[in-house]
Amino acid sequence: MTMYFETMILNAALTDIVKITTKRTRPFVYILNSYDDVLRLKHPEDASLSFYSGHTSTVAATSFFMARTITLNETDKTKKTFIWISAATIPAV
């Protein structure tokens, strides 16, 4: 549990650092509307924190963490390969 917690903390930190550094605008910001109130709603503080997806990075960190912990004691190379391919496929999907 401690290693998983550390993995999630590191993932969140790296995701936030990249988002703050790149400041990629979210797509909904480009949808213009004539009402000022609506525009203010479409430009929240995190409107420029689009890259990269925190949800996808969390799924990737979790699946790779699980693959690593499962394959630590596995000796069959076929099973290891299947586990790692599965771990890479989950966040890609």
PDB file of N, CA and C in Angstrom:
ATOM      1  N   MET A   1       0.824  -1.196   0.000  1.00  0.00           N
ATOM      2  CA  MET A   1       0.000   0.000   0.000  1.00  0.00           C
ATOM      3  C   MET A   1       0.865   1.255   0.000  1.00  0.00           C
ATOM      4  N   THR A   2       1.976   1.207   0.706  1.00  0.00           N
ATOM      5  CA  THR A   2       2.867   2.366   0.748  1.00  0.00           C
ATOM      6  C   THR A   2       3.448   2.649  -0.632  1.00  0.00           C
ATOM      7  N   MET A   3       3.876   1.600  -1.337  1.00  0.00           N
ATOM      8  CA  MET A   3       4.439   1.796  -2.670  1.00  0.00           C
ATOM      9  C   MET A   3       3.373   2.327  -3.633  1.00  0.00           C
ATOM     10  N   TYR A   4       2.152   1.831  -3.523  1.00  0.00           N
ATOM     11  CA  TYR A   4       1.075   2.319  -4.377  1.00  0.00           C
ATOM     12  C   TYR A   4       0.778   3.787  -4.072  1.00  0.00           C
ATOM     13  N   PHE A   5       0.744   4.140  -2.803  1.00  0.00           N
ATOM     14  CA  PHE A   5       0.526   5.529  -2.401  1.00  0.00           C
ATOM     15  C   PHE A   5       1.633   6.424  -2.956  1.00  0.00           C
ATOM     16  N   GLU A   6       2.874   5.970  -2.872  1.00  0.00           N
ATOM     17  CA  GLU A   6       3.991   6.733  -3.428  1.00  0.00           C
ATOM     18  C   GLU A   6       3.860   6.891  -4.944  1.00  0.00           C
ATOM     19  N   THR A   7       3.410   5.834  -5.604  1.00  0.00           N
ATOM     20  CA  THR A   7       3.208   5.890  -7.056  1.00  0.00           C
ATOM     21  C   THR A   7       2.154   6.930  -7.413  1.00  0.00           C
ATOM     22  N   MET A   8       1.063   6.961  -6.672  1.00  0.00           N
ATOM     23  CA  MET A   8      -0.010   7.912  -6.966  1.00  0.00           C
ATOM     24  C   MET A   8       0.422   9.354  -6.668  1.00  0.00           C
ATOM     25  N   ILE A   9       1.193   9.542  -5.601  1.00  0.00           N
ATOM     26  CA  ILE A   9       1.698  10.884  -5.274  1.00  0.00           C
ATOM     27  C   ILE A   9       2.632  11.371  -6.380  1.00  0.00           C
ATOM     28  N   LEU A  10       3.548  10.514  -6.818  1.00  0.00           N
ATOM     29  CA  LEU A  10       4.477  10.876  -7.885  1.00  0.00           C
ATOM     30  C   LEU A  10       3.725  11.155  -9.186  1.00  0.00           C
ATOM     31  N   ASN A  11       2.745  10.340  -9.503  1.00  0.00           N
ATOM     32  CA  ASN A  11       1.948  10.554 -10.712  1.00  0.00           C
ATOM     33  C   ASN A  11       1.218  11.895 -10.653  1.00  0.00           C
ATOM     34  N   ALA A  12       0.585  12.195  -9.547  1.00  0.00           N
ATOM     35  CA  ALA A  12      -0.139  13.463  -9.414  1.00  0.00           C
ATOM     36  C   ALA A  12       0.805  14.655  -9.516  1.00  0.00           C
ATOM     37  N   ALA A  13       1.969  14.544  -8.897  1.00  0.00           N
ATOM     38  CA  ALA A  13       2.942  15.640  -8.948  1.00  0.00           C
ATOM     39  C   ALA A  13       3.437  15.868 -10.373  1.00  0.00           C
ATOM     40  N   LEU A  14       3.804  14.799 -11.069  1.00  0.00           N
ATOM     41  CA  LEU A  14       4.288  14.945 -12.444  1.00  0.00           C
ATOM     42  C   LEU A  14       3.198  15.476 -13.373  1.00  0.00           C
ATOM     43  N   THR A  15       1.982  14.996 -13.194  1.00  0.00           N
ATOM     44  CA  THR A  15       0.873  15.480 -14.018  1.00  0.00           C
ATOM     45  C   THR A  15       0.660  16.972 -13.808  1.00  0.00           C
ATOM     46  N   ASP A  16       0.652  17.415 -12.561  1.00  0.00           N
ATOM     47  CA  ASP A  16       0.451  18.839 -12.272  1.00  0.00           C
ATOM     48  C   ASP A  16       1.603  19.688 -12.790  1.00  0.00           C
ATOM     49  N   ILE A  17       2.831  19.206 -12.661  1.00  0.00           N
ATOM     50  CA  ILE A  17       3.977  19.955 -13.161  1.00  0.00           C
ATOM     51  C   ILE A  17       3.882  20.151 -14.668  1.00  0.00           C
ATOM     52  N   VAL A  18       3.543  19.086 -15.392  1.00  0.00           N
ATOM     53  CA  VAL A  18       3.422  19.186 -16.854  1.00  0.00           C
ATOM     54  C   VAL A  18       2.269  20.101 -17.237  1.00  0.00           C
ATOM     55  N   LYS A  19       1.136  19.989 -16.555  1.00  0.00           N
ATOM     56  CA  LYS A  19      -0.019  20.840 -16.867  1.00  0.00           C
ATOM     57  C   LYS A  19       0.307  22.318 -16.637  1.00  0.00           C
ATOM     58  N   ILE A  20       0.966  22.615 -15.540  1.00  0.00           N
ATOM     59  CA  ILE A  20       1.304  24.004 -15.229  1.00  0.00           C
ATOM     60  C   ILE A  20       2.355  24.537 -16.196  1.00  0.00           C
ATOM     61  N   THR A  21       3.280  23.684 -16.606  1.00  0.00           N
ATOM     62  CA  THR A  21       4.348  24.108 -17.507  1.00  0.00           C
ATOM     63  C   THR A  21       3.835  24.342 -18.931  1.00  0.00           C
ATOM     64  N   THR A  22       3.003  23.443 -19.449  1.00  0.00           N
ATOM     65  CA  THR A  22       2.555  23.551 -20.844  1.00  0.00           C
ATOM     66  C   THR A  22       1.400  24.523 -21.028  1.00  0.00           C
ATOM     67  N   LYS A  23       0.496  24.609 -20.060  1.00  0.00           N
ATOM     68  CA  LYS A  23      -0.669  25.501 -20.103  1.00  0.00           C
ATOM     69  C   LYS A  23      -1.462  25.361 -21.405  1.00  0.00           C
ATOM     70  N   ARG A  24      -1.747  24.136 -21.794  1.00  0.00           N
ATOM     71  CA  ARG A  24      -2.556  23.893 -22.996  1.00  0.00           C
ATOM     72  C   ARG A  24      -4.015  24.194 -22.683  1.00  0.00           C
ATOM     73  N   THR A  25      -4.654  24.950 -23.557  1.00  0.00           N
ATOM     74  CA  THR A  25      -6.035  25.368 -23.347  1.00  0.00           C
ATOM     75  C   THR A  25      -6.998  24.216 -23.618  1.00  0.00           C
ATOM     76  N   ARG A  26      -8.006  24.117 -22.773  1.00  0.00           N
ATOM     77  CA  ARG A  26      -9.028  23.086 -22.954  1.00  0.00           C
ATOM     78  C   ARG A  26      -9.905  23.455 -24.162  1.00  0.00           C
ATOM     79  N   PRO A  27     -10.398  22.448 -24.892  1.00  0.00           N
ATOM     80  CA  PRO A  27     -11.175  22.725 -26.105  1.00  0.00           C
ATOM     81  C   PRO A  27     -12.438  23.548 -25.883  1.00  0.00           C
ATOM     82  N   PHE A  28     -13.093  23.420 -24.743  1.00  0.00           N
ATOM     83  CA  PHE A  28     -14.344  24.154 -24.544  1.00  0.00           C
ATOM     84  C   PHE A  28     -14.140  25.659 -24.483  1.00  0.00           C
ATOM     85  N   VAL A  29     -12.926  26.116 -24.268  1.00  0.00           N
ATOM     86  CA  VAL A  29     -12.650  27.548 -24.198  1.00  0.00           C
ATOM     87  C   VAL A  29     -12.861  28.195 -25.564  1.00  0.00           C
ATOM     88  N   TYR A  30     -12.654  27.437 -26.628  1.00  0.00           N
ATOM     89  CA  TYR A  30     -12.778  27.983 -27.976  1.00  0.00           C
ATOM     90  C   TYR A  30     -14.224  28.130 -28.442  1.00  0.00           C
ATOM     91  N   ILE A  31     -15.170  27.583 -27.688  1.00  0.00           N
ATOM     92  CA  ILE A  31     -16.578  27.725 -28.049  1.00  0.00           C
ATOM     93  C   ILE A  31     -17.051  29.086 -27.559  1.00  0.00           C
ATOM     94  N   LEU A  32     -17.274  29.980 -28.478  1.00  0.00           N
ATOM     95  CA  LEU A  32     -17.641  31.352 -28.127  1.00  0.00           C
ATOM     96  C   LEU A  32     -19.146  31.483 -27.998  1.00  0.00           C
ATOM     97  N   ASN A  33     -19.550  32.351 -27.104  1.00  0.00           N
ATOM     98  CA  ASN A  33     -20.952  32.620 -26.886  1.00  0.00           C
ATOM     99  C   ASN A  33     -21.097  34.121 -26.688  1.00  0.00           C
ATOM    100  N   SER A  34     -22.243  34.660 -27.054  1.00  0.00           N
ATOM    101  CA  SER A  34     -22.417  36.107 -26.973  1.00  0.00           C
ATOM    102  C   SER A  34     -22.709  36.600 -25.556  1.00  0.00           C
ATOM    103  N   TYR A  35     -23.050  35.739 -24.649  1.00  0.00           N
ATOM    104  CA  TYR A  35     -23.369  36.166 -23.296  1.00  0.00           C
ATOM    105  C   TYR A  35     -22.114  36.158 -22.426  1.00  0.00           C
ATOM    106  N   ASP A  36     -21.831  37.274 -21.797  1.00  0.00           N
ATOM    107  CA  ASP A  36     -20.645  37.394 -20.950  1.00  0.00           C
ATOM    108  C   ASP A  36     -20.679  36.450 -19.767  1.00  0.00           C
ATOM    109  N   ASP A  37     -21.863  36.237 -19.179  1.00  0.00           N
ATOM    110  CA  ASP A  37     -21.963  35.333 -18.033  1.00  0.00           C
ATOM    111  C   ASP A  37     -21.576  33.914 -18.415  1.00  0.00           C
ATOM    112  N   VAL A  38     -22.020  33.494 -19.593  1.00  0.00           N
ATOM    113  CA  VAL A  38     -21.698  32.145 -20.052  1.00  0.00           C
ATOM    114  C   VAL A  38     -20.204  32.033 -20.330  1.00  0.00           C
ATOM    115  N   LEU A  39     -19.620  33.074 -20.910  1.00  0.00           N
ATOM    116  CA  LEU A  39     -18.179  33.058 -21.180  1.00  0.00           C
ATOM    117  C   LEU A  39     -17.371  32.936 -19.892  1.00  0.00           C
ATOM    118  N   ARG A  40     -17.805  33.626 -18.851  1.00  0.00           N
ATOM    119  CA  ARG A  40     -17.104  33.521 -17.581  1.00  0.00           C
ATOM    120  C   ARG A  40     -17.174  32.105 -17.025  1.00  0.00           C
ATOM    121  N   LEU A  41     -18.299  31.437 -17.235  1.00  0.00           N
ATOM    122  CA  LEU A  41     -18.429  30.053 -16.791  1.00  0.00           C
ATOM    123  C   LEU A  41     -17.525  29.133 -17.594  1.00  0.00           C
ATOM    124  N   LYS A  42     -17.262  29.476 -18.848  1.00  0.00           N
ATOM    125  CA  LYS A  42     -16.444  28.633 -19.707  1.00  0.00           C
ATOM    126  C   LYS A  42     -14.954  28.900 -19.544  1.00  0.00           C
ATOM    127  N   HIS A  43     -14.574  29.833 -18.720  1.00  0.00           N
ATOM    128  CA  HIS A  43     -13.167  30.146 -18.507  1.00  0.00           C
ATOM    129  C   HIS A  43     -12.776  30.044 -17.038  1.00  0.00           C
ATOM    130  N   PRO A  44     -12.955  28.862 -16.453  1.00  0.00           N
ATOM    131  CA  PRO A  44     -12.527  28.727 -15.056  1.00  0.00           C
ATOM    132  C   PRO A  44     -11.005  28.752 -14.955  1.00  0.00           C
ATOM    133  N   GLU A  45     -10.515  28.745 -13.742  1.00  0.00           N
ATOM    134  CA  GLU A  45      -9.071  28.851 -13.521  1.00  0.00           C
ATOM    135  C   GLU A  45      -8.290  27.711 -14.153  1.00  0.00           C
ATOM    136  N   ASP A  46      -8.873  26.531 -14.240  1.00  0.00           N
ATOM    137  CA  ASP A  46      -8.145  25.394 -14.801  1.00  0.00           C
ATOM    138  C   ASP A  46      -8.374  25.224 -16.305  1.00  0.00           C
ATOM    139  N   ALA A  47      -8.870  26.250 -16.983  1.00  0.00           N
ATOM    140  CA  ALA A  47      -9.145  26.146 -18.415  1.00  0.00           C
ATOM    141  C   ALA A  47      -7.876  26.002 -19.243  1.00  0.00           C
ATOM    142  N   SER A  48      -6.738  26.316 -18.666  1.00  0.00           N
ATOM    143  CA  SER A  48      -5.483  26.179 -19.412  1.00  0.00           C
ATOM    144  C   SER A  48      -4.644  25.015 -18.885  1.00  0.00           C
ATOM    145  N   LEU A  49      -5.277  24.062 -18.246  1.00  0.00           N
ATOM    146  CA  LEU A  49      -4.557  22.908 -17.697  1.00  0.00           C
ATOM    147  C   LEU A  49      -5.063  21.614 -18.345  1.00  0.00           C
ATOM    148  N   SER A  50      -4.943  21.550 -19.667  1.00  0.00           N
ATOM    149  CA  SER A  50      -5.534  20.438 -20.391  1.00  0.00           C
ATOM    150  C   SER A  50      -4.584  19.280 -20.645  1.00  0.00           C
ATOM    151  N   PHE A  51      -3.289  19.534 -20.789  1.00  0.00           N
ATOM    152  CA  PHE A  51      -2.354  18.472 -21.195  1.00  0.00           C
ATOM    153  C   PHE A  51      -1.525  18.048 -19.994  1.00  0.00           C
ATOM    154  N   TYR A  52      -1.354  16.853 -19.718  1.00  0.00           N
ATOM    155  CA  TYR A  52      -1.970  15.660 -20.250  1.00  0.00           C
ATOM    156  C   TYR A  52      -3.038  15.175 -19.302  1.00  0.00           C
ATOM    157  N   SER A  53      -3.813  14.188 -19.719  1.00  0.00           N
ATOM    158  CA  SER A  53      -4.966  13.754 -18.939  1.00  0.00           C
ATOM    159  C   SER A  53      -4.552  13.123 -17.615  1.00  0.00           C
ATOM    160  N   GLY A  54      -5.056  13.678 -16.541  1.00  0.00           N
ATOM    161  CA  GLY A  54      -4.784  13.112 -15.225  1.00  0.00           C
ATOM    162  C   GLY A  54      -5.448  11.766 -15.021  1.00  0.00           C
ATOM    163  N   HIS A  55      -6.630  11.586 -15.623  1.00  0.00           N
ATOM    164  CA  HIS A  55      -7.316  10.300 -15.499  1.00  0.00           C
ATOM    165  C   HIS A  55      -6.534   9.198 -16.201  1.00  0.00           C
ATOM    166  N   THR A  56      -6.064   9.488 -17.399  1.00  0.00           N
ATOM    167  CA  THR A  56      -5.302   8.494 -18.151  1.00  0.00           C
ATOM    168  C   THR A  56      -3.974   8.189 -17.475  1.00  0.00           C
ATOM    169  N   SER A  57      -3.302   9.204 -16.958  1.00  0.00           N
ATOM    170  CA  SER A  57      -2.020   8.955 -16.294  1.00  0.00           C
ATOM    171  C   SER A  57      -2.201   8.148 -15.007  1.00  0.00           C
ATOM    172  N   THR A  58      -3.319   8.340 -14.316  1.00  0.00           N
ATOM    173  CA  THR A  58      -3.596   7.558 -13.113  1.00  0.00           C
ATOM    174  C   THR A  58      -3.854   6.097 -13.464  1.00  0.00           C
ATOM    175  N   VAL A  59      -4.617   5.860 -14.532  1.00  0.00           N
ATOM    176  CA  VAL A  59      -4.861   4.484 -14.975  1.00  0.00           C
ATOM    177  C   VAL A  59      -3.551   3.832 -15.412  1.00  0.00           C
ATOM    178  N   ALA A  60      -2.722   4.573 -16.137  1.00  0.00           N
ATOM    179  CA  ALA A  60      -1.441   4.029 -16.585  1.00  0.00           C
ATOM    180  C   ALA A  60      -0.538   3.708 -15.396  1.00  0.00           C
ATOM    181  N   ALA A  61      -0.441   4.624 -14.441  1.00  0.00           N
ATOM    182  CA  ALA A  61       0.400   4.381 -13.266  1.00  0.00           C
ATOM    183  C   ALA A  61      -0.092   3.168 -12.485  1.00  0.00           C
ATOM    184  N   THR A  62      -1.400   3.048 -12.343  1.00  0.00           N
ATOM    185  CA  THR A  62      -1.960   1.910 -11.618  1.00  0.00           C
ATOM    186  C   THR A  62      -1.703   0.601 -12.342  1.00  0.00           C
ATOM    187  N   SER A  63      -1.939   0.571 -13.656  1.00  0.00           N
ATOM    188  CA  SER A  63      -1.755  -0.691 -14.391  1.00  0.00           C
ATOM    189  C   SER A  63      -0.286  -1.098 -14.444  1.00  0.00           C
ATOM    190  N   PHE A  64       0.628  -0.142 -14.606  1.00  0.00           N
ATOM    191  CA  PHE A  64       2.048  -0.486 -14.619  1.00  0.00           C
ATOM    192  C   PHE A  64       2.552  -0.886 -13.229  1.00  0.00           C
ATOM    193  N   PHE A  65       2.010  -0.248 -12.200  1.00  0.00           N
ATOM    194  CA  PHE A  65       2.352  -0.648 -10.839  1.00  0.00           C
ATOM    195  C   PHE A  65       1.902  -2.083 -10.574  1.00  0.00           C
ATOM    196  N   MET A  66       0.680  -2.394 -10.979  1.00  0.00           N
ATOM    197  CA  MET A  66       0.170  -3.754 -10.780  1.00  0.00           C
ATOM    198  C   MET A  66       0.975  -4.768 -11.586  1.00  0.00           C
ATOM    199  N   ALA A  67       1.315  -4.433 -12.822  1.00  0.00           N
ATOM    200  CA  ALA A  67       2.112  -5.348 -13.649  1.00  0.00           C
ATOM    201  C   ALA A  67       3.473  -5.598 -13.006  1.00  0.00           C
ATOM    202  N   ARG A  68       4.079  -4.549 -12.488  1.00  0.00           N
ATOM    203  CA  ARG A  68       5.394  -4.705 -11.856  1.00  0.00           C
ATOM    204  C   ARG A  68       5.301  -5.576 -10.609  1.00  0.00           C
ATOM    205  N   THR A  69       4.325  -5.336  -9.765  1.00  0.00           N
ATOM    206  CA  THR A  69       4.226  -6.115  -8.531  1.00  0.00           C
ATOM    207  C   THR A  69       3.828  -7.561  -8.800  1.00  0.00           C
ATOM    208  N   ILE A  70       3.014  -7.797  -9.816  1.00  0.00           N
ATOM    209  CA  ILE A  70       2.608  -9.165 -10.147  1.00  0.00           C
ATOM    210  C   ILE A  70       3.777  -9.947 -10.742  1.00  0.00           C
ATOM    211  N   THR A  71       4.570  -9.296 -11.583  1.00  0.00           N
ATOM    212  CA  THR A  71       5.648 -10.011 -12.283  1.00  0.00           C
ATOM    213  C   THR A  71       6.937 -10.118 -11.479  1.00  0.00           C
ATOM    214  N   LEU A  72       6.998  -9.557 -10.304  1.00  0.00           N
ATOM    215  CA  LEU A  72       8.221  -9.652  -9.489  1.00  0.00           C
ATOM    216  C   LEU A  72       8.608 -11.099  -9.207  1.00  0.00           C
ATOM    217  N   ASN A  73       7.641 -11.928  -8.899  1.00  0.00           N
ATOM    218  CA  ASN A  73       7.924 -13.320  -8.550  1.00  0.00           C
ATOM    219  C   ASN A  73       7.527 -14.310  -9.647  1.00  0.00           C
ATOM    220  N   GLU A  74       7.133 -13.796 -10.787  1.00  0.00           N
ATOM    221  CA  GLU A  74       6.729 -14.662 -11.897  1.00  0.00           C
ATOM    222  C   GLU A  74       7.967 -15.087 -12.692  1.00  0.00           C
ATOM    223  N   THR A  75       8.072 -16.390 -12.985  1.00  0.00           N
ATOM    224  CA  THR A  75       9.224 -16.895 -13.736  1.00  0.00           C
ATOM    225  C   THR A  75       8.892 -17.203 -15.192  1.00  0.00           C
ATOM    226  N   ASP A  76       7.625 -17.410 -15.495  1.00  0.00           N
ATOM    227  CA  ASP A  76       7.214 -17.740 -16.856  1.00  0.00           C
ATOM    228  C   ASP A  76       7.221 -16.475 -17.727  1.00  0.00           C
ATOM    229  N   LYS A  77       8.084 -16.455 -18.752  1.00  0.00           N
ATOM    230  CA  LYS A  77       8.214 -15.267 -19.598  1.00  0.00           C
ATOM    231  C   LYS A  77       6.959 -14.996 -20.415  1.00  0.00           C
ATOM    232  N   THR A  78       6.219 -16.038 -20.775  1.00  0.00           N
ATOM    233  CA  THR A  78       4.979 -15.851 -21.535  1.00  0.00           C
ATOM    234  C   THR A  78       3.944 -15.113 -20.694  1.00  0.00           C
ATOM    235  N   LYS A  79       3.815 -15.499 -19.427  1.00  0.00           N
ATOM    236  CA  LYS A  79       2.880 -14.814 -18.529  1.00  0.00           C
ATOM    237  C   LYS A  79       3.308 -13.365 -18.305  1.00  0.00           C
ATOM    238  N   LYS A  80       4.611 -13.135 -18.117  1.00  0.00           N
ATOM    239  CA  LYS A  80       5.119 -11.778 -17.924  1.00  0.00           C
ATOM    240  C   LYS A  80       4.800 -10.900 -19.128  1.00  0.00           C
ATOM    241  N   THR A  81       5.026 -11.448 -20.309  1.00  0.00           N
ATOM    242  CA  THR A  81       4.751 -10.690 -21.534  1.00  0.00           C
ATOM    243  C   THR A  81       3.274 -10.349 -21.634  1.00  0.00           C
ATOM    244  N   PHE A  82       2.408 -11.316 -21.353  1.00  0.00           N
ATOM    245  CA  PHE A  82       0.968 -11.084 -21.395  1.00  0.00           C
ATOM    246  C   PHE A  82       0.552 -10.014 -20.382  1.00  0.00           C
ATOM    247  N   ILE A  83       1.101 -10.076 -19.191  1.00  0.00           N
ATOM    248  CA  ILE A  83       0.758  -9.102 -18.142  1.00  0.00           C
ATOM    249  C   ILE A  83       1.183  -7.697 -18.560  1.00  0.00           C
ATOM    250  N   TRP A  84       2.392  -7.545 -19.099  1.00  0.00           N
ATOM    251  CA  TRP A  84       2.878  -6.224 -19.490  1.00  0.00           C
ATOM    252  C   TRP A  84       2.138  -5.677 -20.709  1.00  0.00           C
ATOM    253  N   ILE A  85       1.789  -6.540 -21.647  1.00  0.00           N
ATOM    254  CA  ILE A  85       0.996  -6.093 -22.798  1.00  0.00           C
ATOM    255  C   ILE A  85      -0.388  -5.651 -22.323  1.00  0.00           C
ATOM    256  N   SER A  86      -0.963  -6.401 -21.405  1.00  0.00           N
ATOM    257  CA  SER A  86      -2.260  -6.008 -20.848  1.00  0.00           C
ATOM    258  C   SER A  86      -2.164  -4.682 -20.106  1.00  0.00           C
ATOM    259  N   ALA A  87      -1.094  -4.487 -19.356  1.00  0.00           N
ATOM    260  CA  ALA A  87      -0.908  -3.244 -18.610  1.00  0.00           C
ATOM    261  C   ALA A  87      -0.766  -2.041 -19.538  1.00  0.00           C
ATOM    262  N   ALA A  88      -0.160  -2.246 -20.684  1.00  0.00           N
ATOM    263  CA  ALA A  88      -0.006  -1.146 -21.643  1.00  0.00           C
ATOM    264  C   ALA A  88      -1.300  -0.906 -22.426  1.00  0.00           C
ATOM    265  N   THR A  89      -2.076  -1.956 -22.641  1.00  0.00           N
ATOM    266  CA  THR A  89      -3.314  -1.833 -23.421  1.00  0.00           C
ATOM    267  C   THR A  89      -4.398  -1.093 -22.648  1.00  0.00           C
ATOM    268  N   ILE A  90      -4.486  -1.321 -21.368  1.00  0.00           N
ATOM    269  CA  ILE A  90      -5.563  -0.714 -20.555  1.00  0.00           C
ATOM    270  C   ILE A  90      -5.578   0.810 -20.652  1.00  0.00           C
ATOM    271  N   PRO A  91      -4.469   1.515 -20.388  1.00  0.00           N
ATOM    272  CA  PRO A  91      -4.540   2.980 -20.517  1.00  0.00           C
ATOM    273  C   PRO A  91      -4.636   3.445 -21.979  1.00  0.00           C
ATOM    274  N   ALA A  92      -4.133   2.635 -22.914  1.00  0.00           N
ATOM    275  CA  ALA A  92      -4.224   3.022 -24.324  1.00  0.00           C
ATOM    276  C   ALA A  92      -5.666   3.025 -24.808  1.00  0.00           C
ATOM    277  N   VAL A  93      -6.442   2.100 -24.267  1.00  0.00           N
ATOM    278  CA  VAL A  93      -7.856   2.017 -24.666  1.00  0.00           C
ATOM    279  C   VAL A  93      -8.612   3.177 -24.040  1.00  0.00           C
TER     280      VAL A  93
END
